[in-house]
Amino acid sequence: MTKITFYKTAAGEYAGFTCMGHAGYADAGEDIVCAGISALVINAINSLEEITKEPMQVDSDEETGTIRCRFTCRPIQDSSRTLMDSLVLGLTRIAEQYGKKYCRLIFEEV
């Protein structure tokens, strides 16, 4: 299962997120759920870096399927918030369509 944890402040501002694990929907190279999650997460990070220039720290570990993104300035820009809302929407739709057995979203206050 891929678990995506979104970190938000008490005021509801995004502080970052962690995406961890492999979906396990199908064999490696055939897993459309994992591919969809990866595409959304990587596109969001690339967009945050290149379009909004949002200050952040990103770490990844391909072996464990972990990507960590932490915003270094808060609150984040309005355009960055829109990108994060879009990421949550896309991942929510994957979880709804394929089930929480493969994709689970968690929201934690920091």
Protein backbone atom coordinates (compact mmCIF):
# COMPACT_ATOMS: atom_id res chain seq x y z
CA MET A 1 0.00 0.00 0.00
CA THR A 2 1.09 3.56 -0.69
CA LYS A 3 0.49 5.83 2.27
CA ILE A 4 0.53 9.59 1.67
CA THR A 5 0.65 11.76 4.78
CA PHE A 6 -0.08 15.46 4.39
CA TYR A 7 1.19 17.70 7.14
CA LYS A 8 -0.84 20.81 7.94
CA THR A 9 -0.58 23.50 10.58
CA ALA A 10 -3.36 24.24 13.07
CA ALA A 11 -4.36 27.07 10.72
CA GLY A 12 -4.80 24.55 7.88
CA GLU A 13 -1.68 25.55 5.94
CA TYR A 14 0.32 22.86 4.14
CA ALA A 15 3.68 22.13 5.77
CA GLY A 16 4.62 19.23 3.46
CA PHE A 17 3.89 15.59 2.73
CA THR A 18 5.41 12.12 2.70
CA CYS A 19 4.56 9.45 0.15
CA MET A 20 5.69 5.99 1.23
CA GLY A 21 5.49 2.47 -0.09
CA HIS A 22 4.43 0.67 -3.23
CA ALA A 23 0.74 0.24 -4.03
CA GLY A 24 0.92 -3.51 -4.65
CA TYR A 25 -1.99 -3.46 -7.10
CA ALA A 26 -0.01 -5.45 -9.67
CA ASP A 27 3.53 -6.67 -10.38
CA ALA A 28 6.31 -4.09 -10.72
CA GLY A 29 6.13 -2.45 -14.11
CA GLU A 30 2.42 -3.32 -14.42
CA ASP A 31 1.07 -1.44 -11.38
CA ILE A 32 -1.20 1.31 -12.72
CA VAL A 33 -2.09 2.52 -9.21
CA CYS A 34 1.56 3.00 -8.27
CA ALA A 35 2.23 4.68 -11.62
CA GLY A 36 -0.70 7.07 -11.15
CA ILE A 37 0.35 7.99 -7.62
CA SER A 38 3.96 8.49 -8.70
CA ALA A 39 2.97 10.65 -11.66
CA LEU A 40 0.80 12.92 -9.51
CA VAL A 41 3.39 13.26 -6.73
CA ILE A 42 6.37 13.87 -9.01
CA ASN A 43 4.42 16.31 -11.18
CA ALA A 44 3.32 18.25 -8.08
CA ILE A 45 6.91 18.49 -6.81
CA ASN A 46 8.22 19.52 -10.24
CA SER A 47 5.47 22.14 -10.56
CA LEU A 48 6.15 23.50 -7.08
CA GLU A 49 9.86 23.79 -7.93
CA GLU A 50 9.67 25.12 -11.48
CA ILE A 51 6.41 27.06 -11.70
CA THR A 52 5.91 28.54 -8.22
CA LYS A 53 9.57 28.39 -7.07
CA GLU A 54 8.26 27.35 -3.63
CA PRO A 55 11.12 26.98 -1.12
CA MET A 56 11.17 23.35 -0.01
CA GLN A 57 13.31 20.36 0.82
CA VAL A 58 12.70 17.12 -1.10
CA ASP A 59 14.25 13.74 -0.26
CA SER A 60 13.57 10.39 -1.89
CA ASP A 61 14.49 6.74 -1.53
CA GLU A 62 13.64 4.74 -4.64
CA GLU A 63 14.14 1.39 -2.91
CA THR A 64 11.48 2.01 -0.27
CA GLY A 65 9.32 4.16 -2.54
CA THR A 66 9.54 7.15 -0.21
CA ILE A 67 9.35 10.82 -1.18
CA ARG A 68 9.40 13.55 1.46
CA CYS A 69 8.58 17.17 0.72
CA ARG A 70 8.82 19.87 3.40
CA PHE A 71 8.02 23.52 2.78
CA THR A 72 10.73 25.71 4.26
CA CYS A 73 8.71 28.95 4.25
CA ARG A 74 5.17 29.13 5.52
CA PRO A 75 2.53 29.92 4.66
CA ILE A 76 3.10 28.70 1.13
CA GLN A 77 2.07 30.79 -1.86
CA ASP A 78 -1.53 30.70 -3.10
CA SER A 79 -0.42 29.05 -6.35
CA SER A 80 1.43 26.38 -4.36
CA ARG A 81 -1.66 25.78 -2.22
CA THR A 82 -3.66 25.24 -5.41
CA LEU A 83 -1.10 22.68 -6.62
CA MET A 84 -1.27 20.88 -3.26
CA ASP A 85 -5.08 20.89 -3.32
CA SER A 86 -4.89 19.41 -6.83
CA LEU A 87 -2.50 16.69 -5.60
CA VAL A 88 -4.88 15.81 -2.75
CA LEU A 89 -7.81 15.69 -5.18
CA GLY A 90 -6.03 13.39 -7.62
CA LEU A 91 -4.81 11.04 -4.90
CA THR A 92 -8.26 11.02 -3.26
CA ARG A 93 -9.81 9.92 -6.57
CA ILE A 94 -7.26 7.09 -6.91
CA ALA A 95 -8.03 5.93 -3.36
CA GLU A 96 -11.77 6.07 -4.07
CA GLN A 97 -11.49 4.18 -7.35
CA TYR A 98 -9.00 1.48 -6.34
CA GLY A 99 -9.54 1.30 -2.59
CA LYS A 100 -7.65 2.08 0.57
CA LYS A 101 -5.94 -1.29 0.28
CA TYR A 102 -3.67 0.31 -2.33
CA CYS A 103 -3.71 4.07 -1.58
CA ARG A 104 -4.35 5.73 1.77
CA LEU A 105 -4.33 9.45 2.56
CA ILE A 106 -3.63 10.71 6.07
CA PHE A 107 -3.72 14.28 7.34
CA GLU A 108 -1.61 15.18 10.38
CA GLU A 109 -1.41 18.44 12.26
CA VAL A 110 2.10 19.76 12.88
